[in-house]
Amino acid sequence: MNQLRRRILERIQPWCIDSISRKEDSISISGWAVSGSQTREHLEIQSCGASLTKADFKVTRPDLESVFPFWPQATNSGFTCDFRLQPNLLDKEIRFSYGDKNIFPFNPFHEYAYPLDDCIAVPDPSGRLRVHGSDSLPSFLLEGYSTFRKLSEIISSTTTINKIKNARILDWGCGCGRVSRYFDTKDMQLWGADIDDFNLKWCEEQLNMKTLGISSNPTKNLPDSYFDLIFGISVMTHLHHDLQIAWLDELTRSLKSSGYLILTFHGLASALRNISDEGFEELLSQGFYDFGENPILKGAVPENKDYRDTYNTLNQIVLNWTEKLRVTKYFESLIGNHQDLIVLQKI
């Protein structure tokens, strides 16, 4: 089993920025990067919008031994990097790419992006915590904007939404608008749906989103044949199999004919992190694995017991999600550089 998990890890080459800070014209990041090679001198972090001034790819990270217990080099996988921002880009964005010059090319879909001049309203720490798992504002902006950039590119390249005037788009499980806050709404109708009334009200008041309150179980309160596109970032990742199927029916019903559904899920790349060999074997054999209850929403929705951490294989999804939908595109290890993303179109 360890050999299989190592092969998957070497194919995916995961990396993560887990801290980012800015001081005037400089920015610092830290995180971890797994390399398929035995040495780390070939690793690079490149940036669009800044020049690298200092880098250390031999930072000891004892915490990673519990995340990747099957990877012998896990504890030596940390890095820190400092950059100087280019003066003409101080009010735009900065992007970071990781690669190994020997075996792993830079991949734009594994980039991180950070907005340098984010003037959009931000939720308070408690609202961010329930969505992000942390109240860190820089981390919230990094993950939200990175996801937005990837999602926008996928919508543009794999759907016809940009050709639809005043398209109706629903952010299913919008939380406090971590992703949808960046959409330009002058040419679209942006909606948000969530079970968290506090964050939903905040989105309505601060982001001018149209909102729909929902429960953990679908109640058919989404409008029929209404939306051109529905996307759900890290929602299926928290639903048991039966609820996934129930919500697929609800979301498909609410799509227009030939409308698009974009969903993320915990696949094999996510399953590499913190799941025991027994759990990994169950995922491979059954196509689905329930890791257990996720308590992050307890403060906002205390009675909710349906918020889980769950995992799917792609084969299981193709078999169970495509009765009324067809798969148009699949991306492995995309969102947060570990969640898979699938684009489906209503038949």
Foldseek 3Di string as FASTA:
>chain_A
DLVVLLVVCQVLFFWFWPDKDDDVQKIKTKTFTDHPDPDDPQKDKDKDFWAWDDKDQQAAAPVQCLFQVSDPCRRRGMMMTMTGGDVVCQQAKMKIWMAGVPPGDTDLLNIWMAGNHDPADDDQQLLLCLVPVGSDPRSLRRQQDSVLVNVVVCCVPQHCQVVDFQFEEEAEQCRLVSHVLPDDNPRYQYEYEHQQPVSQVNCCVRSVHHYDYQHLAGPLPQDFQAGQEYEYECDQQFADPVRVLRVLVSVLRNHHAFGKYKYWYQESLNCSTNHDPVQVVCCVVVQKGWPAADCSCCVRCVVDRGGTRMYGYPVVCCVRNPPQKDWRDKAACRRSSHIIMTMITGD
